[in-house]
Amino acid sequence: TEGLDKQAAMQGVYIFCTKKVQQIAEILGDKEKATELSAEAETKAEAARKYLWDKETGLFVSGSDRQISYASQVWLILAGAVSSEEGIQILDKVKELNPEKGMVSPYMNHHYVEALLLCGKKEEAMDYMKYYWGGMISSGADTFWELYNPKNPAESPYGSSIVNSYCHAWSCTPAYLLRKYF
């Protein structure tokens, strides 16, 4: 999304990836590296809560303009920077706020649905999959698209939706989510 400040979201991605590498270290029996990575992830999560959390809105902010976006909330939830209970509150607040920098790609929508599922919002996750991926089907898709904005189906990062990919890898994630969580 053009104009999206990615600082907070990238903090979440960093924490998320650090925890995944920690799991690999544990599988490989490298306890020292696993301990180091666990401490690193916790330090970065503490920093996110200290510097990126806005008490007034109850949401994470990103960059010098303190931008609020779905991406920031979702990635910090997926990273485990907050508890499931806090994640539920964050997801409810960001949905209510409906920030200007929304989600238009199946990639980000997938992670939003996964955050809903991680926080126990299974019914809402299913409804959202029907809304988003079902919206592509209702718009005539026979494969899922690289970019789909239900509010502006002709949107494209390339200047014309004709250039968008009409069979994009991230778009198949509902099949994964359904198998894993349902």
N, C-alpha and C. Protein backbone atom coordinates (compact mmCIF):
# COMPACT_ATOMS: atom_id res chain seq x y z
N THR A 1 0.84 -1.17 0.00
CA THR A 1 0.00 0.00 0.00
C THR A 1 0.89 1.24 0.00
N GLU A 2 0.64 2.09 -0.95
CA GLU A 2 1.43 3.32 -1.07
C GLU A 2 1.21 4.19 0.17
N GLY A 3 2.30 4.70 0.72
CA GLY A 3 2.22 5.58 1.89
C GLY A 3 2.16 4.85 3.22
N LEU A 4 2.24 3.53 3.18
CA LEU A 4 2.21 2.75 4.42
C LEU A 4 3.55 2.85 5.12
N ASP A 5 3.53 3.30 6.38
CA ASP A 5 4.75 3.32 7.17
C ASP A 5 4.94 1.91 7.72
N LYS A 6 6.07 1.31 7.42
CA LYS A 6 6.29 -0.10 7.73
C LYS A 6 7.12 -0.35 8.99
N GLN A 7 7.50 0.69 9.72
CA GLN A 7 8.37 0.52 10.88
C GLN A 7 7.81 -0.49 11.88
N ALA A 8 6.59 -0.28 12.35
CA ALA A 8 6.01 -1.16 13.36
C ALA A 8 5.76 -2.56 12.81
N ALA A 9 5.26 -2.64 11.60
CA ALA A 9 5.01 -3.96 10.99
C ALA A 9 6.32 -4.73 10.87
N MET A 10 7.38 -4.07 10.46
CA MET A 10 8.67 -4.75 10.32
C MET A 10 9.23 -5.18 11.68
N GLN A 11 8.93 -4.42 12.72
CA GLN A 11 9.32 -4.85 14.07
C GLN A 11 8.63 -6.18 14.38
N GLY A 12 7.35 -6.26 14.03
CA GLY A 12 6.60 -7.50 14.24
C GLY A 12 7.16 -8.65 13.42
N VAL A 13 7.48 -8.39 12.15
CA VAL A 13 8.05 -9.43 11.28
C VAL A 13 9.37 -9.92 11.86
N TYR A 14 10.19 -8.98 12.35
CA TYR A 14 11.49 -9.34 12.94
C TYR A 14 11.30 -10.27 14.14
N ILE A 15 10.39 -9.91 15.02
CA ILE A 15 10.13 -10.73 16.21
C ILE A 15 9.60 -12.10 15.79
N PHE A 16 8.65 -12.11 14.88
CA PHE A 16 8.05 -13.35 14.38
C PHE A 16 9.13 -14.28 13.83
N CYS A 17 9.99 -13.74 12.97
CA CYS A 17 11.05 -14.55 12.34
C CYS A 17 12.08 -15.02 13.37
N THR A 18 12.41 -14.17 14.32
CA THR A 18 13.35 -14.56 15.37
C THR A 18 12.82 -15.75 16.14
N LYS A 19 11.53 -15.74 16.43
CA LYS A 19 10.93 -16.87 17.15
C LYS A 19 10.93 -18.15 16.30
N LYS A 20 10.74 -18.02 15.00
CA LYS A 20 10.77 -19.19 14.13
C LYS A 20 12.18 -19.78 14.05
N VAL A 21 13.19 -18.91 13.97
CA VAL A 21 14.58 -19.39 13.95
C VAL A 21 14.93 -20.02 15.30
N GLN A 22 14.39 -19.46 16.38
CA GLN A 22 14.58 -20.04 17.71
C GLN A 22 14.05 -21.47 17.73
N GLN A 23 12.89 -21.70 17.14
CA GLN A 23 12.32 -23.05 17.08
C GLN A 23 13.23 -24.00 16.30
N ILE A 24 13.82 -23.50 15.24
CA ILE A 24 14.76 -24.33 14.46
C ILE A 24 15.98 -24.67 15.31
N ALA A 25 16.49 -23.69 16.04
CA ALA A 25 17.64 -23.95 16.92
C ALA A 25 17.29 -25.00 17.96
N GLU A 26 16.08 -24.93 18.49
CA GLU A 26 15.66 -25.93 19.47
C GLU A 26 15.60 -27.32 18.85
N ILE A 27 15.05 -27.42 17.64
CA ILE A 27 14.97 -28.70 16.94
C ILE A 27 16.36 -29.27 16.69
N LEU A 28 17.29 -28.38 16.38
CA LEU A 28 18.67 -28.81 16.11
C LEU A 28 19.47 -29.05 17.39
N GLY A 29 18.86 -28.77 18.53
CA GLY A 29 19.54 -29.01 19.80
C GLY A 29 20.53 -27.94 20.21
N ASP A 30 20.47 -26.78 19.56
CA ASP A 30 21.38 -25.68 19.91
C ASP A 30 20.72 -24.81 20.98
N LYS A 31 20.84 -25.24 22.22
CA LYS A 31 20.18 -24.56 23.33
C LYS A 31 20.70 -23.14 23.53
N GLU A 32 22.00 -22.96 23.32
CA GLU A 32 22.60 -21.63 23.50
C GLU A 32 21.99 -20.63 22.51
N LYS A 33 21.92 -21.04 21.24
CA LYS A 33 21.36 -20.16 20.21
C LYS A 33 19.86 -19.93 20.47
N ALA A 34 19.15 -20.97 20.88
CA ALA A 34 17.72 -20.83 21.17
C ALA A 34 17.49 -19.83 22.30
N THR A 35 18.31 -19.91 23.32
CA THR A 35 18.19 -18.99 24.45
C THR A 35 18.49 -17.56 24.01
N GLU A 36 19.54 -17.41 23.21
CA GLU A 36 19.91 -16.09 22.67
C GLU A 36 18.77 -15.50 21.84
N LEU A 37 18.17 -16.31 20.98
CA LEU A 37 17.09 -15.84 20.11
C LEU A 37 15.83 -15.51 20.92
N SER A 38 15.55 -16.29 21.93
CA SER A 38 14.40 -16.02 22.80
C SER A 38 14.55 -14.66 23.48
N ALA A 39 15.76 -14.39 23.99
CA ALA A 39 16.03 -13.10 24.63
C ALA A 39 15.91 -11.96 23.62
N GLU A 40 16.42 -12.19 22.42
CA GLU A 40 16.34 -11.16 21.35
C GLU A 40 14.88 -10.84 21.02
N ALA A 41 14.06 -11.87 20.86
CA ALA A 41 12.65 -11.66 20.54
C ALA A 41 11.95 -10.91 21.66
N GLU A 42 12.23 -11.27 22.90
CA GLU A 42 11.58 -10.59 24.03
C GLU A 42 12.03 -9.14 24.13
N THR A 43 13.30 -8.87 23.89
CA THR A 43 13.80 -7.49 23.91
C THR A 43 13.09 -6.64 22.86
N LYS A 44 12.93 -7.20 21.67
CA LYS A 44 12.27 -6.46 20.58
C LYS A 44 10.77 -6.29 20.86
N ALA A 45 10.15 -7.29 21.49
CA ALA A 45 8.73 -7.17 21.84
C ALA A 45 8.54 -6.10 22.92
N GLU A 46 9.44 -6.09 23.91
CA GLU A 46 9.38 -5.05 24.94
C GLU A 46 9.53 -3.66 24.32
N ALA A 47 10.45 -3.54 23.37
CA ALA A 47 10.66 -2.25 22.70
C ALA A 47 9.40 -1.84 21.94
N ALA A 48 8.76 -2.79 21.29
CA ALA A 48 7.51 -2.48 20.56
C ALA A 48 6.45 -1.97 21.53
N ARG A 49 6.31 -2.65 22.65
CA ARG A 49 5.31 -2.22 23.63
C ARG A 49 5.66 -0.86 24.24
N LYS A 50 6.95 -0.60 24.39
CA LYS A 50 7.38 0.67 25.00
C LYS A 50 7.30 1.85 24.02
N TYR A 51 7.79 1.64 22.80
CA TYR A 51 7.94 2.77 21.88
C TYR A 51 6.86 2.86 20.80
N LEU A 52 6.18 1.78 20.51
CA LEU A 52 5.21 1.79 19.40
C LEU A 52 3.76 1.72 19.88
N TRP A 53 3.56 1.44 21.15
CA TRP A 53 2.21 1.33 21.70
C TRP A 53 1.68 2.71 22.06
N ASP A 54 0.47 3.00 21.60
CA ASP A 54 -0.17 4.28 21.92
C ASP A 54 -1.30 4.00 22.92
N LYS A 55 -1.11 4.45 24.15
CA LYS A 55 -2.09 4.17 25.21
C LYS A 55 -3.44 4.81 24.91
N GLU A 56 -3.41 5.97 24.28
CA GLU A 56 -4.65 6.70 24.00
C GLU A 56 -5.56 5.92 23.05
N THR A 57 -5.00 5.38 21.98
CA THR A 57 -5.82 4.66 21.01
C THR A 57 -5.91 3.17 21.31
N GLY A 58 -4.96 2.66 22.09
CA GLY A 58 -4.91 1.23 22.35
C GLY A 58 -4.44 0.45 21.14
N LEU A 59 -3.61 1.10 20.30
CA LEU A 59 -3.11 0.49 19.08
C LEU A 59 -1.62 0.80 18.93
N PHE A 60 -0.95 0.02 18.09
CA PHE A 60 0.44 0.30 17.76
C PHE A 60 0.49 1.39 16.70
N VAL A 61 1.49 2.25 16.80
CA VAL A 61 1.69 3.32 15.83
C VAL A 61 3.03 3.11 15.15
N SER A 62 3.18 3.70 13.97
CA SER A 62 4.38 3.49 13.18
C SER A 62 4.91 4.80 12.63
N GLY A 63 6.22 4.99 12.77
CA GLY A 63 6.88 6.14 12.17
C GLY A 63 6.67 7.45 12.91
N SER A 64 7.30 8.48 12.40
CA SER A 64 7.24 9.79 13.05
C SER A 64 5.85 10.39 13.02
N ASP A 65 5.03 10.00 12.03
CA ASP A 65 3.65 10.50 11.97
C ASP A 65 2.69 9.66 12.81
N ARG A 66 3.24 8.60 13.45
CA ARG A 66 2.45 7.74 14.33
C ARG A 66 1.24 7.15 13.59
N GLN A 67 1.52 6.66 12.41
CA GLN A 67 0.48 6.08 11.55
C GLN A 67 -0.10 4.81 12.18
N ILE A 68 -1.39 4.66 12.07
CA ILE A 68 -2.07 3.45 12.50
C ILE A 68 -2.49 2.68 11.26
N SER A 69 -2.14 1.40 11.22
CA SER A 69 -2.51 0.56 10.07
C SER A 69 -2.83 -0.85 10.55
N TYR A 70 -3.52 -1.58 9.69
CA TYR A 70 -3.76 -3.00 9.96
C TYR A 70 -2.43 -3.74 10.04
N ALA A 71 -1.50 -3.43 9.13
CA ALA A 71 -0.23 -4.16 9.06
C ALA A 71 0.51 -4.12 10.39
N SER A 72 0.57 -2.96 11.02
CA SER A 72 1.28 -2.84 12.30
C SER A 72 0.63 -3.71 13.37
N GLN A 73 -0.69 -3.64 13.45
CA GLN A 73 -1.40 -4.40 14.48
C GLN A 73 -1.24 -5.91 14.24
N VAL A 74 -1.47 -6.31 13.00
CA VAL A 74 -1.44 -7.73 12.66
C VAL A 74 -0.07 -8.34 12.92
N TRP A 75 0.99 -7.69 12.44
CA TRP A 75 2.32 -8.29 12.60
C TRP A 75 2.78 -8.33 14.05
N LEU A 76 2.40 -7.35 14.84
CA LEU A 76 2.80 -7.39 16.25
C LEU A 76 1.97 -8.41 17.04
N ILE A 77 0.75 -8.67 16.59
CA ILE A 77 -0.05 -9.76 17.19
C ILE A 77 0.56 -11.10 16.81
N LEU A 78 0.84 -11.30 15.52
CA LEU A 78 1.41 -12.57 15.07
C LEU A 78 2.77 -12.83 15.72
N ALA A 79 3.49 -11.77 16.03
CA ALA A 79 4.80 -11.89 16.67
C ALA A 79 4.69 -12.26 18.15
N GLY A 80 3.49 -12.15 18.70
CA GLY A 80 3.32 -12.44 20.12
C GLY A 80 3.76 -11.30 21.01
N ALA A 81 3.78 -10.07 20.48
CA ALA A 81 4.16 -8.91 21.29
C ALA A 81 3.08 -8.56 22.30
N VAL A 82 1.89 -9.12 22.11
CA VAL A 82 0.77 -8.92 23.03
C VAL A 82 0.10 -10.27 23.28
N SER A 83 -0.69 -10.35 24.32
CA SER A 83 -1.43 -11.58 24.62
C SER A 83 -2.61 -11.73 23.66
N SER A 84 -3.20 -12.90 23.64
CA SER A 84 -4.39 -13.12 22.80
C SER A 84 -5.52 -12.18 23.18
N GLU A 85 -5.70 -11.96 24.47
CA GLU A 85 -6.76 -11.07 24.95
C GLU A 85 -6.51 -9.64 24.45
N GLU A 86 -5.27 -9.19 24.56
CA GLU A 86 -4.93 -7.86 24.05
C GLU A 86 -5.10 -7.82 22.53
N GLY A 87 -4.74 -8.91 21.86
CA GLY A 87 -4.89 -8.99 20.42
C GLY A 87 -6.34 -8.84 19.99
N ILE A 88 -7.25 -9.45 20.73
CA ILE A 88 -8.69 -9.30 20.43
C ILE A 88 -9.09 -7.84 20.50
N GLN A 89 -8.68 -7.16 21.56
CA GLN A 89 -9.01 -5.73 21.72
C GLN A 89 -8.41 -4.91 20.58
N ILE A 90 -7.17 -5.21 20.22
CA ILE A 90 -6.50 -4.47 19.15
C ILE A 90 -7.24 -4.69 17.82
N LEU A 91 -7.56 -5.93 17.52
CA LEU A 91 -8.27 -6.22 16.26
C LEU A 91 -9.63 -5.55 16.22
N ASP A 92 -10.34 -5.54 17.33
CA ASP A 92 -11.64 -4.86 17.38
C ASP A 92 -11.48 -3.36 17.17
N LYS A 93 -10.45 -2.77 17.81
CA LYS A 93 -10.24 -1.33 17.70
C LYS A 93 -9.82 -0.91 16.29
N VAL A 94 -8.91 -1.68 15.68
CA VAL A 94 -8.45 -1.29 14.35
C VAL A 94 -9.58 -1.45 13.33
N LYS A 95 -10.39 -2.47 13.50
CA LYS A 95 -11.55 -2.65 12.61
C LYS A 95 -12.51 -1.48 12.74
N GLU A 96 -12.78 -1.07 13.99
CA GLU A 96 -13.67 0.06 14.24
C GLU A 96 -13.09 1.36 13.67
N LEU A 97 -11.79 1.56 13.85
CA LEU A 97 -11.13 2.76 13.36
C LEU A 97 -11.08 2.78 11.83
N ASN A 98 -10.91 1.60 11.22
CA ASN A 98 -10.81 1.47 9.77
C ASN A 98 -9.81 2.49 9.20
N PRO A 99 -8.52 2.32 9.53
CA PRO A 99 -7.52 3.31 9.13
C PRO A 99 -7.42 3.50 7.62
N GLU A 100 -6.97 4.67 7.25
CA GLU A 100 -6.83 5.02 5.84
C GLU A 100 -5.97 4.00 5.09
N LYS A 101 -4.91 3.53 5.73
CA LYS A 101 -4.04 2.53 5.12
C LYS A 101 -4.60 1.15 5.42
N GLY A 102 -5.47 0.71 4.55
CA GLY A 102 -6.12 -0.58 4.73
C GLY A 102 -5.32 -1.71 4.12
N MET A 103 -6.00 -2.79 3.85
CA MET A 103 -5.37 -3.98 3.28
C MET A 103 -5.96 -4.20 1.89
N VAL A 104 -5.11 -4.41 0.90
CA VAL A 104 -5.62 -4.65 -0.45
C VAL A 104 -5.04 -5.90 -1.09
N SER A 105 -4.08 -6.53 -0.44
CA SER A 105 -3.47 -7.71 -1.05
C SER A 105 -3.89 -8.97 -0.30
N PRO A 106 -4.01 -10.08 -1.00
CA PRO A 106 -4.27 -11.35 -0.32
C PRO A 106 -3.19 -11.65 0.73
N TYR A 107 -1.97 -11.21 0.48
CA TYR A 107 -0.88 -11.41 1.44
C TYR A 107 -1.25 -10.82 2.80
N MET A 108 -1.61 -9.56 2.84
CA MET A 108 -1.92 -8.92 4.12
C MET A 108 -3.23 -9.43 4.68
N ASN A 109 -4.19 -9.68 3.82
CA ASN A 109 -5.47 -10.21 4.28
C ASN A 109 -5.31 -11.59 4.90
N HIS A 110 -4.42 -12.40 4.34
CA HIS A 110 -4.12 -13.71 4.93
C HIS A 110 -3.62 -13.54 6.36
N HIS A 111 -2.68 -12.64 6.56
CA HIS A 111 -2.11 -12.45 7.89
C HIS A 111 -3.13 -11.87 8.86
N TYR A 112 -4.03 -11.04 8.35
CA TYR A 112 -5.12 -10.52 9.19
C TYR A 112 -6.01 -11.68 9.66
N VAL A 113 -6.38 -12.55 8.74
CA VAL A 113 -7.21 -13.70 9.10
C VAL A 113 -6.47 -14.59 10.10
N GLU A 114 -5.18 -14.79 9.88
CA GLU A 114 -4.41 -15.62 10.81
C GLU A 114 -4.34 -14.97 12.20
N ALA A 115 -4.24 -13.65 12.26
CA ALA A 115 -4.25 -12.96 13.56
C ALA A 115 -5.60 -13.15 14.24
N LEU A 116 -6.68 -13.06 13.48
CA LEU A 116 -8.01 -13.33 14.05
C LEU A 116 -8.06 -14.73 14.65
N LEU A 117 -7.56 -15.70 13.89
CA LEU A 117 -7.57 -17.09 14.35
C LEU A 117 -6.69 -17.29 15.57
N LEU A 118 -5.53 -16.66 15.58
CA LEU A 118 -4.60 -16.77 16.71
C LEU A 118 -5.24 -16.23 17.99
N CYS A 119 -6.11 -15.24 17.83
CA CYS A 119 -6.77 -14.64 18.99
C CYS A 119 -8.11 -15.31 19.31
N GLY A 120 -8.43 -16.38 18.61
CA GLY A 120 -9.65 -17.13 18.91
C GLY A 120 -10.91 -16.60 18.25
N LYS A 121 -10.77 -15.73 17.26
CA LYS A 121 -11.92 -15.14 16.58
C LYS A 121 -12.23 -15.95 15.31
N LYS A 122 -12.54 -17.23 15.50
CA LYS A 122 -12.70 -18.18 14.41
C LYS A 122 -13.88 -17.82 13.49
N GLU A 123 -15.01 -17.47 14.06
CA GLU A 123 -16.18 -17.14 13.25
C GLU A 123 -15.93 -15.87 12.43
N GLU A 124 -15.31 -14.87 13.05
CA GLU A 124 -14.99 -13.63 12.34
C GLU A 124 -13.99 -13.89 11.21
N ALA A 125 -13.04 -14.78 11.47
CA ALA A 125 -12.06 -15.14 10.45
C ALA A 125 -12.74 -15.79 9.25
N MET A 126 -13.66 -16.70 9.51
CA MET A 126 -14.39 -17.35 8.41
C MET A 126 -15.22 -16.33 7.64
N ASP A 127 -15.92 -15.47 8.36
CA ASP A 127 -16.72 -14.43 7.70
C ASP A 127 -15.84 -13.54 6.83
N TYR A 128 -14.64 -13.22 7.33
CA TYR A 128 -13.75 -12.35 6.57
C TYR A 128 -13.23 -13.05 5.32
N MET A 129 -12.90 -14.33 5.43
CA MET A 129 -12.46 -15.08 4.24
C MET A 129 -13.57 -15.08 3.18
N LYS A 130 -14.80 -15.27 3.62
CA LYS A 130 -15.93 -15.25 2.68
C LYS A 130 -16.07 -13.87 2.05
N TYR A 131 -15.89 -12.84 2.86
CA TYR A 131 -15.99 -11.46 2.36
C TYR A 131 -14.88 -11.16 1.34
N TYR A 132 -13.63 -11.45 1.72
CA TYR A 132 -12.51 -11.05 0.88
C TYR A 132 -12.33 -11.97 -0.33
N TRP A 133 -12.05 -13.25 -0.09
CA TRP A 133 -11.83 -14.16 -1.21
C TRP A 133 -13.15 -14.44 -1.93
N GLY A 134 -14.24 -14.49 -1.18
CA GLY A 134 -15.56 -14.64 -1.80
C GLY A 134 -15.90 -13.44 -2.66
N GLY A 135 -15.42 -12.27 -2.27
CA GLY A 135 -15.64 -11.05 -3.06
C GLY A 135 -14.98 -11.14 -4.42
N MET A 136 -13.79 -11.76 -4.47
CA MET A 136 -13.14 -11.96 -5.77
C MET A 136 -13.98 -12.89 -6.64
N ILE A 137 -14.49 -13.95 -6.04
CA ILE A 137 -15.32 -14.90 -6.80
C ILE A 137 -16.58 -14.19 -7.31
N SER A 138 -17.20 -13.41 -6.44
CA SER A 138 -18.40 -12.66 -6.85
C SER A 138 -18.10 -11.67 -7.96
N SER A 139 -16.85 -11.21 -8.03
CA SER A 139 -16.45 -10.27 -9.08
C SER A 139 -16.01 -10.99 -10.35
N GLY A 140 -16.15 -12.31 -10.37
CA GLY A 140 -15.87 -13.05 -11.60
C GLY A 140 -14.54 -13.77 -11.63
N ALA A 141 -13.82 -13.81 -10.53
CA ALA A 141 -12.51 -14.47 -10.53
C ALA A 141 -12.67 -15.98 -10.66
N ASP A 142 -11.83 -16.57 -11.49
CA ASP A 142 -11.75 -18.04 -11.51
C ASP A 142 -10.41 -18.50 -10.93
N THR A 143 -9.55 -17.55 -10.59
CA THR A 143 -8.36 -17.73 -9.78
C THR A 143 -8.31 -16.51 -8.87
N PHE A 144 -7.51 -16.58 -7.82
CA PHE A 144 -7.44 -15.43 -6.93
C PHE A 144 -6.34 -14.48 -7.36
N TRP A 145 -6.58 -13.20 -7.12
CA TRP A 145 -5.78 -12.14 -7.69
C TRP A 145 -4.66 -11.67 -6.76
N GLU A 146 -3.69 -11.03 -7.37
CA GLU A 146 -2.56 -10.44 -6.65
C GLU A 146 -3.02 -9.32 -5.74
N LEU A 147 -3.97 -8.56 -6.20
CA LEU A 147 -4.48 -7.42 -5.45
C LEU A 147 -5.98 -7.38 -5.63
N TYR A 148 -6.68 -7.24 -4.53
CA TYR A 148 -8.13 -7.08 -4.59
C TYR A 148 -8.54 -6.15 -3.48
N ASN A 149 -9.09 -5.03 -3.85
CA ASN A 149 -9.63 -4.07 -2.91
C ASN A 149 -11.13 -4.06 -3.11
N PRO A 150 -11.90 -4.64 -2.20
CA PRO A 150 -13.35 -4.69 -2.37
C PRO A 150 -13.98 -3.32 -2.57
N LYS A 151 -13.34 -2.27 -2.05
CA LYS A 151 -13.87 -0.91 -2.20
C LYS A 151 -13.50 -0.29 -3.54
N ASN A 152 -12.48 -0.86 -4.20
CA ASN A 152 -12.03 -0.36 -5.50
C ASN A 152 -11.43 -1.53 -6.29
N PRO A 153 -12.28 -2.39 -6.87
CA PRO A 153 -11.79 -3.59 -7.55
C PRO A 153 -10.81 -3.33 -8.70
N ALA A 154 -10.80 -2.13 -9.25
CA ALA A 154 -9.90 -1.81 -10.36
C ALA A 154 -8.53 -1.32 -9.88
N GLU A 155 -8.31 -1.27 -8.57
CA GLU A 155 -7.04 -0.77 -8.02
C GLU A 155 -5.87 -1.64 -8.49
N SER A 156 -4.74 -0.97 -8.74
CA SER A 156 -3.54 -1.67 -9.17
C SER A 156 -2.30 -0.90 -8.75
N PRO A 157 -1.25 -1.61 -8.31
CA PRO A 157 0.00 -0.92 -8.01
C PRO A 157 0.76 -0.55 -9.28
N TYR A 158 0.26 -0.99 -10.43
CA TYR A 158 0.96 -0.79 -11.70
C TYR A 158 0.31 0.24 -12.60
N GLY A 159 -0.73 0.89 -12.12
CA GLY A 159 -1.39 1.90 -12.93
C GLY A 159 -2.59 1.37 -13.70
N SER A 160 -2.70 0.07 -13.85
CA SER A 160 -3.84 -0.53 -14.53
C SER A 160 -4.02 -1.95 -14.01
N SER A 161 -5.25 -2.31 -13.70
CA SER A 161 -5.51 -3.65 -13.18
C SER A 161 -5.28 -4.73 -14.23
N ILE A 162 -5.17 -4.34 -15.49
CA ILE A 162 -4.89 -5.31 -16.56
C ILE A 162 -3.52 -5.96 -16.36
N VAL A 163 -2.62 -5.25 -15.68
CA VAL A 163 -1.26 -5.77 -15.48
C VAL A 163 -1.15 -6.63 -14.21
N ASN A 164 -2.17 -6.59 -13.35
CA ASN A 164 -2.15 -7.39 -12.12
C ASN A 164 -2.07 -8.88 -12.46
N SER A 165 -1.48 -9.64 -11.56
CA SER A 165 -1.48 -11.10 -11.69
C SER A 165 -2.87 -11.60 -11.33
N TYR A 166 -3.38 -12.51 -12.14
CA TYR A 166 -4.70 -13.05 -11.88
C TYR A 166 -4.65 -14.49 -11.38
N CYS A 167 -3.50 -14.91 -10.93
CA CYS A 167 -3.35 -16.21 -10.30
C CYS A 167 -2.14 -16.11 -9.40
N HIS A 168 -2.35 -15.57 -8.21
CA HIS A 168 -1.24 -15.20 -7.34
C HIS A 168 -1.10 -16.17 -6.18
N ALA A 169 0.10 -16.53 -5.83
CA ALA A 169 0.37 -17.55 -4.83
C ALA A 169 -0.29 -17.26 -3.48
N TRP A 170 -0.19 -16.03 -2.98
CA TRP A 170 -0.74 -15.74 -1.66
C TRP A 170 -2.25 -15.87 -1.64
N SER A 171 -2.86 -15.85 -2.77
CA SER A 171 -4.31 -15.92 -2.82
C SER A 171 -4.85 -17.29 -2.47
N CYS A 172 -4.00 -18.30 -2.51
CA CYS A 172 -4.49 -19.65 -2.20
C CYS A 172 -4.47 -19.94 -0.71
N THR A 173 -4.10 -19.00 0.11
CA THR A 173 -3.96 -19.27 1.54
C THR A 173 -5.26 -19.65 2.25
N PRO A 174 -6.45 -19.31 1.76
CA PRO A 174 -7.64 -19.83 2.46
C PRO A 174 -7.63 -21.36 2.56
N ALA A 175 -7.11 -22.03 1.55
CA ALA A 175 -7.04 -23.49 1.61
C ALA A 175 -6.15 -23.93 2.78
N TYR A 176 -5.05 -23.24 2.99
CA TYR A 176 -4.16 -23.52 4.12
C TYR A 176 -4.86 -23.21 5.45
N LEU A 177 -5.46 -22.03 5.54
CA LEU A 177 -6.12 -21.62 6.78
C LEU A 177 -7.26 -22.57 7.14
N LEU A 178 -8.03 -22.97 6.14
CA LEU A 178 -9.14 -23.89 6.40
C LEU A 178 -8.63 -25.23 6.92
N ARG A 179 -7.57 -25.73 6.32
CA ARG A 179 -7.01 -27.01 6.78
C ARG A 179 -6.39 -26.91 8.17
N LYS A 180 -5.70 -25.82 8.43
CA LYS A 180 -5.00 -25.69 9.72
C LYS A 180 -5.95 -25.38 10.88
N TYR A 181 -6.93 -24.53 10.66
CA TYR A 181 -7.75 -24.03 11.77
C TYR A 181 -9.19 -24.57 11.79
N PHE A 182 -9.64 -25.12 10.67
CA PHE A 182 -11.03 -25.59 10.62
C PHE A 182 -11.04 -27.08 10.37
